[in-house]
Amino acid sequence: MSKKPFRFAVQAFNSPSPRAWRDLIRRTEDSGYSAFHLADHILGSGAAMEAAAHPPQMLAAVPAIASALEMTTRIKVGCRVFCMDYRQPVVLAKEAATMHWLSEGRLELGLGAGWIGSEYAAIGLRFDDIGVRLRRFAEVVQGVKAFMRGGPVQVEGEWINWSGFSALPEVPACPPIMIGGGSKGILSLAAREADIVSLNFNNRSGTLGQEGVVSGLAEQTARKIGWIREAAGARFEALELEIGAYLTVVTDHQEATAAAIAGQLGISSADLLAGPHNLVGSVDYICEELERRREVYGINYITVLEDGDNDIARQFAPVVARLAGR
C-alpha cells in the first residue's frame, strides 16, 4: 500500500461569535491544515437533535463555506458531508460549481445520503429506508458529476431527470468529491465514485451512542477498508482515505484520560486508544500513532472537530506542523 502524504482538516459546528469564527478559519489556514470543513445539519438545540445525541449546527453550510473561501487563499473548504435529501440536487450542484469557480478550484465537495431520522421528521421530510436512500444518492452523485463536466446536461433516472440546459458556470475540473459513511453499501459506492472516502461510524440507529462507537473501533475499521478495497478494484491506490478523529485529546496524562473516557463509553482503554476515530495522548504519541495507522489502514487524511469551545484546532496544530505533507 502506497503512503499518501498526510493531510489535516478542521471541522467546525459552532462558534461563540462571528469574530471567533473568522479567527478560527484564518488560524486553520495559518497552522498548515489543508482544509476547513462544515457539516450539513439544519437544526439547533431541541428534542430532534437530542434524540440523535448530535450537537446542533449554528450556520448553514453553503454561505459559511462561501465565506470561508473568501477569507482564505490556500486551503480547501467544503462540507463533510452535504445531505443530498435536504435540498434540490441541481441547486446544490450549481452552488458548488459557483463556489469552485469563484475560489479558483478550492472547493472540496462532500456528499452523503443522510442518517438522522429525527432531523428529517422535525422538518417534515420523509426518511426512506437505507436501500432507497442509497439508490437515490447514487443517481444524485452521477447528476452532480454530469453538471461539473459542463455543457449540455442530460441525466435520466428514477429520481433525477435533468435535460434541456447547459451547466454554468463551467469549471475547469470537478472538485474533489468526498463520500462518507460507515456501512458497506455507502462505502462501496464511495470506493467506486469518490476521490476521497470518508470513514464514519455506522449510524444506522439514527443516534450517536455506543453502537456507533463500537462500529468505529480497530477491527471494524479494518473490515471497512476491506469493503473499500474490494469495491474500488484498480482505483483503490488513487483514493484518499479520510477519517474524523471525533475524540481528540492532546495530553501528557494518557493513561488516566483514556481510562476515564473509556469508562464513559463502555469500552476498554486499549480499544479506545487503538480506535482510529480517537487520538488521546501527547504530540509525540499522536504523530507515531497516525504513522502506524497510515501503514495499517492507508488513512492519510485526518479531520479534528472544533465546537467553538474545545480549542482542538490550536492544540492539534503541533501534530499538523510535524506531519502535514509527509
C-alpha atoms as a PDB file:
ATOM      1  CA  MET A   1       0.000   0.000   0.000  1.00  0.00           C
ATOM      2  CA  SER A   2       1.499   3.325  -1.063  1.00  0.00           C
ATOM      3  CA  LYS A   3       1.831   6.041   1.566  1.00  0.00           C
ATOM      4  CA  LYS A   4      -0.001   9.208   0.614  1.00  0.00           C
ATOM      5  CA  PRO A   5       1.112  12.449   2.287  1.00  0.00           C
ATOM      6  CA  PHE A   6      -0.742  13.399   5.428  1.00  0.00           C
ATOM      7  CA  ARG A   7      -3.491  15.973   5.154  1.00  0.00           C
ATOM      8  CA  PHE A   8      -5.373  17.526   8.061  1.00  0.00           C
ATOM      9  CA  ALA A   9      -8.650  19.403   8.343  1.00  0.00           C
ATOM     10  CA  VAL A  10     -10.721  21.200  10.948  1.00  0.00           C
ATOM     11  CA  GLN A  11     -14.472  20.609  11.017  1.00  0.00           C
ATOM     12  CA  ALA A  12     -16.447  23.257  12.885  1.00  0.00           C
ATOM     13  CA  PHE A  13     -20.016  23.187  14.178  1.00  0.00           C
ATOM     14  CA  ASN A  14     -20.419  26.286  16.325  1.00  0.00           C
ATOM     15  CA  SER A  15     -18.701  29.487  17.355  1.00  0.00           C
ATOM     16  CA  PRO A  16     -19.281  31.994  20.140  1.00  0.00           C
ATOM     17  CA  SER A  17     -19.135  34.978  17.766  1.00  0.00           C
ATOM     18  CA  PRO A  18     -18.555  35.974  14.129  1.00  0.00           C
ATOM     19  CA  ARG A  19     -15.103  37.260  15.075  1.00  0.00           C
ATOM     20  CA  ALA A  20     -14.172  33.926  16.708  1.00  0.00           C
ATOM     21  CA  TRP A  21     -15.411  32.122  13.585  1.00  0.00           C
ATOM     22  CA  ARG A  22     -13.228  34.260  11.328  1.00  0.00           C
ATOM     23  CA  ASP A  23     -10.253  33.787  13.649  1.00  0.00           C
ATOM     24  CA  LEU A  24     -10.688  30.001  13.565  1.00  0.00           C
ATOM     25  CA  ILE A  25     -10.757  29.916   9.774  1.00  0.00           C
ATOM     26  CA  ARG A  26      -7.664  32.093   9.435  1.00  0.00           C
ATOM     27  CA  ARG A  27      -5.849  30.109  12.132  1.00  0.00           C
ATOM     28  CA  THR A  28      -6.726  26.875  10.335  1.00  0.00           C
ATOM     29  CA  GLU A  29      -5.013  28.122   7.201  1.00  0.00           C
ATOM     30  CA  ASP A  30      -2.058  29.674   9.008  1.00  0.00           C
ATOM     31  CA  SER A  31      -1.430  26.490  11.053  1.00  0.00           C
ATOM     32  CA  GLY A  32      -0.879  24.326   7.990  1.00  0.00           C
ATOM     33  CA  TYR A  33      -4.182  22.457   7.855  1.00  0.00           C
ATOM     34  CA  SER A  34      -5.150  21.619   4.288  1.00  0.00           C
ATOM     35  CA  ALA A  35      -8.918  22.045   4.638  1.00  0.00           C
ATOM     36  CA  PHE A  36     -11.725  23.597   6.641  1.00  0.00           C
ATOM     37  CA  HIS A  37     -14.983  21.632   6.808  1.00  0.00           C
ATOM     38  CA  LEU A  38     -18.549  22.353   7.737  1.00  0.00           C
ATOM     39  CA  ALA A  39     -21.167  19.718   8.475  1.00  0.00           C
ATOM     40  CA  ASP A  40     -24.668  19.869   6.988  1.00  0.00           C
ATOM     41  CA  HIS A  41     -27.370  19.930   9.631  1.00  0.00           C
ATOM     42  CA  ILE A  42     -30.278  22.305   9.861  1.00  0.00           C
ATOM     43  CA  LEU A  43     -31.466  22.177  13.429  1.00  0.00           C
ATOM     44  CA  GLY A  44     -30.417  23.932  16.586  1.00  0.00           C
ATOM     45  CA  SER A  45     -30.915  22.525  20.060  1.00  0.00           C
ATOM     46  CA  GLY A  46     -34.146  20.749  20.883  1.00  0.00           C
ATOM     47  CA  ALA A  47     -35.760  17.349  21.043  1.00  0.00           C
ATOM     48  CA  ALA A  48     -34.814  16.292  17.495  1.00  0.00           C
ATOM     49  CA  MET A  49     -31.056  16.633  17.894  1.00  0.00           C
ATOM     50  CA  GLU A  50     -31.191  15.414  21.486  1.00  0.00           C
ATOM     51  CA  ALA A  51     -32.796  12.205  20.181  1.00  0.00           C
ATOM     52  CA  ALA A  52     -29.788  11.771  17.889  1.00  0.00           C
ATOM     53  CA  ALA A  53     -27.293  12.769  20.624  1.00  0.00           C
ATOM     54  CA  HIS A  54     -25.829  15.075  17.990  1.00  0.00           C
ATOM     55  CA  PRO A  55     -24.535  18.619  18.507  1.00  0.00           C
ATOM     56  CA  PRO A  56     -26.608  21.345  16.865  1.00  0.00           C
ATOM     57  CA  GLN A  57     -25.119  23.253  13.966  1.00  0.00           C
ATOM     58  CA  MET A  58     -25.151  27.023  14.081  1.00  0.00           C
ATOM     59  CA  LEU A  59     -24.504  28.009  10.457  1.00  0.00           C
ATOM     60  CA  ALA A  60     -25.938  26.935   7.124  1.00  0.00           C
ATOM     61  CA  ALA A  61     -23.241  25.114   5.194  1.00  0.00           C
ATOM     62  CA  VAL A  62     -23.329  26.827   1.780  1.00  0.00           C
ATOM     63  CA  PRO A  63     -22.992  30.500   2.851  1.00  0.00           C
ATOM     64  CA  ALA A  64     -20.497  29.553   5.573  1.00  0.00           C
ATOM     65  CA  ILE A  65     -18.345  27.690   3.024  1.00  0.00           C
ATOM     66  CA  ALA A  66     -18.546  30.621   0.609  1.00  0.00           C
ATOM     67  CA  SER A  67     -17.490  32.995   3.389  1.00  0.00           C
ATOM     68  CA  ALA A  68     -14.579  30.749   4.418  1.00  0.00           C
ATOM     69  CA  LEU A  69     -13.391  30.531   0.804  1.00  0.00           C
ATOM     70  CA  GLU A  70     -13.451  34.322   0.613  1.00  0.00           C
ATOM     71  CA  MET A  71     -11.377  34.633   3.812  1.00  0.00           C
ATOM     72  CA  THR A  72      -8.679  32.179   2.715  1.00  0.00           C
ATOM     73  CA  THR A  73      -6.315  31.812  -0.211  1.00  0.00           C
ATOM     74  CA  ARG A  74      -4.702  28.360   0.005  1.00  0.00           C
ATOM     75  CA  ILE A  75      -6.749  25.744   1.817  1.00  0.00           C
ATOM     76  CA  LYS A  76      -9.649  23.675   0.540  1.00  0.00           C
ATOM     77  CA  VAL A  77     -13.045  24.403   2.054  1.00  0.00           C
ATOM     78  CA  GLY A  78     -16.054  22.134   1.936  1.00  0.00           C
ATOM     79  CA  CYS A  79     -18.701  20.096   3.662  1.00  0.00           C
ATOM     80  CA  ARG A  80     -18.280  16.817   5.476  1.00  0.00           C
ATOM     81  CA  VAL A  81     -20.833  15.999   4.100  1.00  0.00           C
ATOM     82  CA  PHE A  82     -23.846  17.552   2.354  1.00  0.00           C
ATOM     83  CA  CYS A  83     -27.034  15.564   2.962  1.00  0.00           C
ATOM     84  CA  MET A  84     -28.476  15.235  -0.521  1.00  0.00           C
ATOM     85  CA  ASP A  85     -32.063  14.882   0.709  1.00  0.00           C
ATOM     86  CA  TYR A  86     -32.014  18.346   2.290  1.00  0.00           C
ATOM     87  CA  ARG A  87     -32.001  20.274  -1.000  1.00  0.00           C
ATOM     88  CA  GLN A  88     -32.837  20.080  -4.682  1.00  0.00           C
ATOM     89  CA  PRO A  89     -29.719  18.384  -6.112  1.00  0.00           C
ATOM     90  CA  VAL A  90     -29.328  20.595  -9.179  1.00  0.00           C
ATOM     91  CA  VAL A  91     -29.408  23.673  -6.948  1.00  0.00           C
ATOM     92  CA  LEU A  92     -26.563  22.290  -4.829  1.00  0.00           C
ATOM     93  CA  ALA A  93     -24.649  21.317  -7.979  1.00  0.00           C
ATOM     94  CA  LYS A  94     -24.877  24.894  -9.264  1.00  0.00           C
ATOM     95  CA  GLU A  95     -23.962  26.352  -5.880  1.00  0.00           C
ATOM     96  CA  ALA A  96     -20.975  24.016  -5.646  1.00  0.00           C
ATOM     97  CA  ALA A  97     -19.816  24.858  -9.178  1.00  0.00           C
ATOM     98  CA  THR A  98     -20.157  28.559  -8.362  1.00  0.00           C
ATOM     99  CA  MET A  99     -18.062  28.287  -5.198  1.00  0.00           C
ATOM    100  CA  HIS A 100     -15.459  26.173  -7.006  1.00  0.00           C
ATOM    101  CA  TRP A 101     -15.255  28.704  -9.853  1.00  0.00           C
ATOM    102  CA  LEU A 102     -15.109  31.795  -7.629  1.00  0.00           C
ATOM    103  CA  SER A 103     -12.402  30.255  -5.421  1.00  0.00           C
ATOM    104  CA  GLU A 104     -10.363  29.130  -8.449  1.00  0.00           C
ATOM    105  CA  GLY A 105     -10.623  25.450  -7.584  1.00  0.00           C
ATOM    106  CA  ARG A 106     -10.594  25.280  -3.763  1.00  0.00           C
ATOM    107  CA  LEU A 107     -13.926  23.580  -3.063  1.00  0.00           C
ATOM    108  CA  GLU A 108     -13.904  20.058  -1.608  1.00  0.00           C
ATOM    109  CA  LEU A 109     -17.327  18.562  -2.250  1.00  0.00           C
ATOM    110  CA  GLY A 110     -18.526  16.119   0.402  1.00  0.00           C
ATOM    111  CA  LEU A 111     -21.749  14.227  -0.335  1.00  0.00           C
ATOM    112  CA  GLY A 112     -23.796  11.884   1.829  1.00  0.00           C
ATOM    113  CA  ALA A 113     -27.105  10.033   1.922  1.00  0.00           C
ATOM    114  CA  GLY A 114     -28.324  11.332   5.315  1.00  0.00           C
ATOM    115  CA  TRP A 115     -28.816   9.463   8.580  1.00  0.00           C
ATOM    116  CA  ILE A 116     -30.532  11.485  11.326  1.00  0.00           C
ATOM    117  CA  GLY A 117     -34.140  10.362  11.086  1.00  0.00           C
ATOM    118  CA  SER A 118     -35.252  12.715  13.862  1.00  0.00           C
ATOM    119  CA  GLU A 119     -33.941  15.691  11.884  1.00  0.00           C
ATOM    120  CA  TYR A 120     -35.852  14.575   8.803  1.00  0.00           C
ATOM    121  CA  ALA A 121     -39.014  14.235  10.911  1.00  0.00           C
ATOM    122  CA  ALA A 122     -38.540  17.646  12.519  1.00  0.00           C
ATOM    123  CA  ILE A 123     -38.544  19.384   9.125  1.00  0.00           C
ATOM    124  CA  GLY A 124     -41.320  17.261   7.626  1.00  0.00           C
ATOM    125  CA  LEU A 125     -39.082  15.306   5.269  1.00  0.00           C
ATOM    126  CA  ARG A 126     -39.735  11.619   4.628  1.00  0.00           C
ATOM    127  CA  PHE A 127     -36.949   9.364   5.846  1.00  0.00           C
ATOM    128  CA  ASP A 128     -36.837   6.469   3.393  1.00  0.00           C
ATOM    129  CA  ASP A 129     -35.116   3.198   4.217  1.00  0.00           C
ATOM    130  CA  ILE A 130     -31.406   2.952   3.539  1.00  0.00           C
ATOM    131  CA  GLY A 131     -31.810   0.995   0.298  1.00  0.00           C
ATOM    132  CA  VAL A 132     -33.970   3.726  -1.243  1.00  0.00           C
ATOM    133  CA  ARG A 133     -31.715   6.494   0.032  1.00  0.00           C
ATOM    134  CA  LEU A 134     -28.620   4.804  -1.376  1.00  0.00           C
ATOM    135  CA  ARG A 135     -30.163   4.302  -4.818  1.00  0.00           C
ATOM    136  CA  ARG A 136     -31.327   7.912  -4.898  1.00  0.00           C
ATOM    137  CA  PHE A 137     -27.947   9.092  -3.658  1.00  0.00           C
ATOM    138  CA  ALA A 138     -26.139   7.146  -6.404  1.00  0.00           C
ATOM    139  CA  GLU A 139     -28.253   8.965  -9.008  1.00  0.00           C
ATOM    140  CA  VAL A 140     -27.506  12.315  -7.390  1.00  0.00           C
ATOM    141  CA  VAL A 141     -23.756  11.660  -7.496  1.00  0.00           C
ATOM    142  CA  GLN A 142     -23.985  10.950 -11.215  1.00  0.00           C
ATOM    143  CA  GLY A 143     -26.035  14.116 -11.689  1.00  0.00           C
ATOM    144  CA  VAL A 144     -23.515  16.272  -9.835  1.00  0.00           C
ATOM    145  CA  LYS A 145     -20.673  14.822 -11.888  1.00  0.00           C
ATOM    146  CA  ALA A 146     -22.596  15.486 -15.115  1.00  0.00           C
ATOM    147  CA  PHE A 147     -23.176  19.101 -14.055  1.00  0.00           C
ATOM    148  CA  MET A 148     -19.496  19.569 -13.247  1.00  0.00           C
ATOM    149  CA  ARG A 149     -18.492  18.355 -16.730  1.00  0.00           C
ATOM    150  CA  GLY A 150     -20.202  21.439 -18.179  1.00  0.00           C
ATOM    151  CA  GLY A 151     -22.014  21.727 -21.493  1.00  0.00           C
ATOM    152  CA  PRO A 152     -25.462  20.246 -22.146  1.00  0.00           C
ATOM    153  CA  VAL A 153     -26.790  18.217 -19.224  1.00  0.00           C
ATOM    154  CA  GLN A 154     -28.728  15.003 -19.831  1.00  0.00           C
ATOM    155  CA  VAL A 155     -29.429  12.861 -16.771  1.00  0.00           C
ATOM    156  CA  GLU A 156     -32.258  10.335 -16.710  1.00  0.00           C
ATOM    157  CA  GLY A 157     -33.130   8.235 -13.682  1.00  0.00           C
ATOM    158  CA  GLU A 158     -35.807   7.284 -11.223  1.00  0.00           C
ATOM    159  CA  TRP A 159     -35.349  10.447  -9.157  1.00  0.00           C
ATOM    160  CA  ILE A 160     -33.070  12.708 -11.213  1.00  0.00           C
ATOM    161  CA  ASN A 161     -34.205  13.902 -14.637  1.00  0.00           C
ATOM    162  CA  TRP A 162     -32.321  16.882 -15.972  1.00  0.00           C
ATOM    163  CA  SER A 163     -32.296  17.999 -19.617  1.00  0.00           C
ATOM    164  CA  GLY A 164     -32.623  20.989 -21.898  1.00  0.00           C
ATOM    165  CA  PHE A 165     -29.937  23.181 -20.324  1.00  0.00           C
ATOM    166  CA  SER A 166     -26.194  23.657 -20.139  1.00  0.00           C
ATOM    167  CA  ALA A 167     -24.328  23.658 -16.844  1.00  0.00           C
ATOM    168  CA  LEU A 168     -22.941  27.015 -15.761  1.00  0.00           C
ATOM    169  CA  PRO A 169     -20.527  28.115 -14.507  1.00  0.00           C
ATOM    170  CA  GLU A 170     -18.191  25.795 -16.362  1.00  0.00           C
ATOM    171  CA  VAL A 171     -15.432  24.689 -14.022  1.00  0.00           C
ATOM    172  CA  PRO A 172     -12.029  23.527 -15.300  1.00  0.00           C
ATOM    173  CA  ALA A 173     -12.312  20.299 -13.307  1.00  0.00           C
ATOM    174  CA  CYS A 174     -14.781  18.682 -10.951  1.00  0.00           C
ATOM    175  CA  PRO A 175     -13.967  19.497  -7.327  1.00  0.00           C
ATOM    176  CA  PRO A 176     -12.640  16.513  -5.368  1.00  0.00           C
ATOM    177  CA  ILE A 177     -15.667  14.503  -4.267  1.00  0.00           C
ATOM    178  CA  MET A 178     -15.744  13.071  -0.752  1.00  0.00           C
ATOM    179  CA  ILE A 179     -18.347  10.433   0.063  1.00  0.00           C
ATOM    180  CA  GLY A 180     -18.634   9.231   3.618  1.00  0.00           C
ATOM    181  CA  GLY A 181     -20.384   6.697   5.776  1.00  0.00           C
ATOM    182  CA  GLY A 182     -19.985   3.587   7.869  1.00  0.00           C
ATOM    183  CA  SER A 183     -21.985   0.855   6.127  1.00  0.00           C
ATOM    184  CA  LYS A 184     -20.850  -1.491   3.393  1.00  0.00           C
ATOM    185  CA  GLY A 185     -23.324  -0.004   0.925  1.00  0.00           C
ATOM    186  CA  ILE A 186     -22.223   3.619   1.170  1.00  0.00           C
ATOM    187  CA  LEU A 187     -18.518   2.808   1.471  1.00  0.00           C
ATOM    188  CA  SER A 188     -18.673   0.572  -1.610  1.00  0.00           C
ATOM    189  CA  LEU A 189     -20.365   3.353  -3.555  1.00  0.00           C
ATOM    190  CA  ALA A 190     -17.726   5.787  -2.310  1.00  0.00           C
ATOM    191  CA  ALA A 191     -14.980   3.412  -3.421  1.00  0.00           C
ATOM    192  CA  ARG A 192     -16.383   3.390  -6.947  1.00  0.00           C
ATOM    193  CA  GLU A 193     -17.288   7.068  -7.294  1.00  0.00           C
ATOM    194  CA  ALA A 194     -15.362   9.304  -4.886  1.00  0.00           C
ATOM    195  CA  ASP A 195     -11.900  10.817  -4.828  1.00  0.00           C
ATOM    196  CA  ILE A 196     -11.915  10.816  -1.010  1.00  0.00           C
ATOM    197  CA  VAL A 197     -13.578   8.076   1.035  1.00  0.00           C
ATOM    198  CA  SER A 198     -14.608   9.348   4.455  1.00  0.00           C
ATOM    199  CA  LEU A 199     -14.758   6.669   7.140  1.00  0.00           C
ATOM    200  CA  ASN A 200     -17.506   7.174   9.681  1.00  0.00           C
ATOM    201  CA  PHE A 201     -19.377   5.286  12.365  1.00  0.00           C
ATOM    202  CA  ASN A 202     -22.204   3.077  11.175  1.00  0.00           C
ATOM    203  CA  ASN A 203     -25.047   5.328  12.279  1.00  0.00           C
ATOM    204  CA  ARG A 204     -27.905   3.080  11.166  1.00  0.00           C
ATOM    205  CA  SER A 205     -29.577   3.548  14.557  1.00  0.00           C
ATOM    206  CA  GLY A 206     -30.016   7.255  13.823  1.00  0.00           C
ATOM    207  CA  THR A 207     -28.309   8.263  17.036  1.00  0.00           C
ATOM    208  CA  LEU A 208     -24.761   8.636  18.284  1.00  0.00           C
ATOM    209  CA  GLY A 209     -24.013   6.127  21.012  1.00  0.00           C
ATOM    210  CA  GLN A 210     -22.116   3.014  21.976  1.00  0.00           C
ATOM    211  CA  GLU A 211     -23.216   1.072  18.885  1.00  0.00           C
ATOM    212  CA  GLY A 212     -21.711   3.745  16.664  1.00  0.00           C
ATOM    213  CA  VAL A 213     -18.560   3.989  18.761  1.00  0.00           C
ATOM    214  CA  VAL A 214     -18.006   0.224  18.576  1.00  0.00           C
ATOM    215  CA  SER A 215     -18.523   0.329  14.798  1.00  0.00           C
ATOM    216  CA  GLY A 216     -15.507   2.652  14.598  1.00  0.00           C
ATOM    217  CA  LEU A 217     -13.024   0.566  16.565  1.00  0.00           C
ATOM    218  CA  ALA A 218      -9.936  -1.057  15.063  1.00  0.00           C
ATOM    219  CA  GLU A 219     -11.341  -4.394  13.920  1.00  0.00           C
ATOM    220  CA  GLN A 220     -14.428  -2.830  12.388  1.00  0.00           C
ATOM    221  CA  THR A 221     -12.345  -0.183  10.619  1.00  0.00           C
ATOM    222  CA  ALA A 222     -10.157  -2.880   9.074  1.00  0.00           C
ATOM    223  CA  ARG A 223     -13.340  -4.541   7.786  1.00  0.00           C
ATOM    224  CA  LYS A 224     -14.435  -1.241   6.232  1.00  0.00           C
ATOM    225  CA  ILE A 225     -11.085  -0.875   4.472  1.00  0.00           C
ATOM    226  CA  GLY A 226     -11.645  -4.351   3.045  1.00  0.00           C
ATOM    227  CA  TRP A 227     -15.038  -3.322   1.661  1.00  0.00           C
ATOM    228  CA  ILE A 228     -13.493  -0.230   0.087  1.00  0.00           C
ATOM    229  CA  ARG A 229     -10.612  -2.155  -1.435  1.00  0.00           C
ATOM    230  CA  GLU A 230     -12.937  -4.800  -2.885  1.00  0.00           C
ATOM    231  CA  ALA A 231     -15.329  -2.275  -4.422  1.00  0.00           C
ATOM    232  CA  ALA A 232     -12.612   0.074  -5.694  1.00  0.00           C
ATOM    233  CA  GLY A 233     -10.582  -2.545  -7.530  1.00  0.00           C
ATOM    234  CA  ALA A 234      -7.802  -0.952  -9.543  1.00  0.00           C
ATOM    235  CA  ARG A 235      -8.674   2.575  -8.389  1.00  0.00           C
ATOM    236  CA  PHE A 236      -8.015   1.825  -4.707  1.00  0.00           C
ATOM    237  CA  GLU A 237      -4.454   3.169  -4.792  1.00  0.00           C
ATOM    238  CA  ALA A 238      -5.707   6.500  -6.148  1.00  0.00           C
ATOM    239  CA  LEU A 239      -8.191   7.030  -3.317  1.00  0.00           C
ATOM    240  CA  GLU A 240      -7.580   9.212  -0.298  1.00  0.00           C
ATOM    241  CA  LEU A 241      -8.891   7.721   2.939  1.00  0.00           C
ATOM    242  CA  GLU A 242     -10.187  10.294   5.411  1.00  0.00           C
ATOM    243  CA  ILE A 243     -11.387   9.831   8.967  1.00  0.00           C
ATOM    244  CA  GLY A 244     -12.876  12.038  11.640  1.00  0.00           C
ATOM    245  CA  ALA A 245     -10.852  11.986  14.863  1.00  0.00           C
ATOM    246  CA  TYR A 246     -14.000  12.613  16.857  1.00  0.00           C
ATOM    247  CA  LEU A 247     -12.275  12.154  20.193  1.00  0.00           C
ATOM    248  CA  THR A 248      -9.040  14.121  20.169  1.00  0.00           C
ATOM    249  CA  VAL A 249      -7.321  14.949  23.454  1.00  0.00           C
ATOM    250  CA  VAL A 250      -3.755  16.234  23.436  1.00  0.00           C
ATOM    251  CA  THR A 251      -2.419  15.330  26.873  1.00  0.00           C
ATOM    252  CA  ASP A 252       0.641  14.083  28.722  1.00  0.00           C
ATOM    253  CA  HIS A 253      -1.661  12.074  31.019  1.00  0.00           C
ATOM    254  CA  GLN A 254      -2.747   9.480  28.522  1.00  0.00           C
ATOM    255  CA  GLU A 255      -3.463   6.536  30.801  1.00  0.00           C
ATOM    256  CA  ALA A 256      -5.754   8.362  33.227  1.00  0.00           C
ATOM    257  CA  THR A 257      -7.502  10.298  30.459  1.00  0.00           C
ATOM    258  CA  ALA A 258      -8.123   7.208  28.344  1.00  0.00           C
ATOM    259  CA  ALA A 259      -9.421   5.235  31.328  1.00  0.00           C
ATOM    260  CA  ALA A 260     -11.890   7.951  32.278  1.00  0.00           C
ATOM    261  CA  ILE A 261     -13.249   8.360  28.754  1.00  0.00           C
ATOM    262  CA  ALA A 262     -13.351   4.627  28.014  1.00  0.00           C
ATOM    263  CA  GLY A 263     -15.381   4.061  31.159  1.00  0.00           C
ATOM    264  CA  GLN A 264     -17.966   6.591  29.994  1.00  0.00           C
ATOM    265  CA  LEU A 265     -18.178   4.927  26.582  1.00  0.00           C
ATOM    266  CA  GLY A 266     -18.356   1.383  27.910  1.00  0.00           C
ATOM    267  CA  ILE A 267     -15.225   0.170  26.137  1.00  0.00           C
ATOM    268  CA  SER A 268     -11.706  -0.716  27.286  1.00  0.00           C
ATOM    269  CA  SER A 269      -8.852   1.778  27.378  1.00  0.00           C
ATOM    270  CA  ALA A 270      -6.962  -0.386  24.896  1.00  0.00           C
ATOM    271  CA  ASP A 271      -9.855  -0.305  22.436  1.00  0.00           C
ATOM    272  CA  LEU A 272     -10.212   3.432  22.842  1.00  0.00           C
ATOM    273  CA  LEU A 273      -6.537   4.130  22.208  1.00  0.00           C
ATOM    274  CA  ALA A 274      -6.388   1.848  19.163  1.00  0.00           C
ATOM    275  CA  GLY A 275      -9.674   3.117  17.699  1.00  0.00           C
ATOM    276  CA  PRO A 276      -8.940   5.075  14.516  1.00  0.00           C
ATOM    277  CA  HIS A 277     -11.540   7.743  15.386  1.00  0.00           C
ATOM    278  CA  ASN A 278      -9.693   8.503  18.643  1.00  0.00           C
ATOM    279  CA  LEU A 279      -6.434  10.338  19.325  1.00  0.00           C
ATOM    280  CA  VAL A 280      -5.557  10.573  23.014  1.00  0.00           C
ATOM    281  CA  GLY A 281      -2.006  11.279  24.119  1.00  0.00           C
ATOM    282  CA  SER A 282       0.996  13.524  23.710  1.00  0.00           C
ATOM    283  CA  VAL A 283       2.012  15.131  20.425  1.00  0.00           C
ATOM    284  CA  ASP A 284       4.792  12.548  20.053  1.00  0.00           C
ATOM    285  CA  TYR A 285       2.385   9.666  20.666  1.00  0.00           C
ATOM    286  CA  ILE A 286      -0.250  11.019  18.269  1.00  0.00           C
ATOM    287  CA  CYS A 287       2.306  11.502  15.487  1.00  0.00           C
ATOM    288  CA  GLU A 288       3.611   7.965  15.909  1.00  0.00           C
ATOM    289  CA  GLU A 289       0.088   6.546  16.068  1.00  0.00           C
ATOM    290  CA  LEU A 290      -1.003   8.352  12.910  1.00  0.00           C
ATOM    291  CA  GLU A 291       2.002   6.972  11.054  1.00  0.00           C
ATOM    292  CA  ARG A 292       1.123   3.490  12.323  1.00  0.00           C
ATOM    293  CA  ARG A 293      -2.489   3.837  11.206  1.00  0.00           C
ATOM    294  CA  ARG A 294      -1.413   5.033   7.768  1.00  0.00           C
ATOM    295  CA  GLU A 295       0.720   1.904   7.498  1.00  0.00           C
ATOM    296  CA  VAL A 296      -2.081  -0.406   8.680  1.00  0.00           C
ATOM    297  CA  TYR A 297      -5.174   1.159   7.092  1.00  0.00           C
ATOM    298  CA  GLY A 298      -3.887   3.589   4.469  1.00  0.00           C
ATOM    299  CA  ILE A 299      -5.598   6.519   6.217  1.00  0.00           C
ATOM    300  CA  ASN A 300      -3.760   9.736   5.377  1.00  0.00           C
ATOM    301  CA  TYR A 301      -6.402  12.441   5.845  1.00  0.00           C
ATOM    302  CA  ILE A 302      -7.467  13.303   9.412  1.00  0.00           C
ATOM    303  CA  THR A 303     -10.164  15.740  10.489  1.00  0.00           C
ATOM    304  CA  VAL A 304     -10.432  17.093  14.034  1.00  0.00           C
ATOM    305  CA  LEU A 305     -13.646  18.582  15.408  1.00  0.00           C
ATOM    306  CA  GLU A 306     -13.837  22.143  16.728  1.00  0.00           C
ATOM    307  CA  ASP A 307     -17.044  23.027  18.558  1.00  0.00           C
ATOM    308  CA  GLY A 308     -16.199  26.638  19.316  1.00  0.00           C
ATOM    309  CA  ASP A 309     -15.194  25.851  22.876  1.00  0.00           C
ATOM    310  CA  ASN A 310     -12.686  22.973  22.898  1.00  0.00           C
ATOM    311  CA  ASP A 311      -9.792  24.749  21.083  1.00  0.00           C
ATOM    312  CA  ILE A 312      -8.769  21.468  19.424  1.00  0.00           C
ATOM    313  CA  ALA A 313      -7.560  23.183  16.251  1.00  0.00           C
ATOM    314  CA  ARG A 314      -4.930  25.062  18.255  1.00  0.00           C
ATOM    315  CA  GLN A 315      -3.946  22.117  20.469  1.00  0.00           C
ATOM    316  CA  PHE A 316      -3.565  19.803  17.492  1.00  0.00           C
ATOM    317  CA  ALA A 317      -1.538  22.305  15.429  1.00  0.00           C
ATOM    318  CA  PRO A 318       1.875  20.871  16.521  1.00  0.00           C
ATOM    319  CA  VAL A 319       0.878  17.495  15.036  1.00  0.00           C
ATOM    320  CA  VAL A 320      -0.048  19.231  11.790  1.00  0.00           C
ATOM    321  CA  ALA A 321       3.231  21.157  11.760  1.00  0.00           C
ATOM    322  CA  ARG A 322       5.189  17.913  12.154  1.00  0.00           C
ATOM    323  CA  LEU A 323       3.311  15.621   9.745  1.00  0.00           C
ATOM    324  CA  ALA A 324       1.492  17.662   7.102  1.00  0.00           C
ATOM    325  CA  GLY A 325       2.718  16.753   3.637  1.00  0.00           C
ATOM    326  CA  ARG A 326       4.999  13.959   4.867  1.00  0.00           C
END
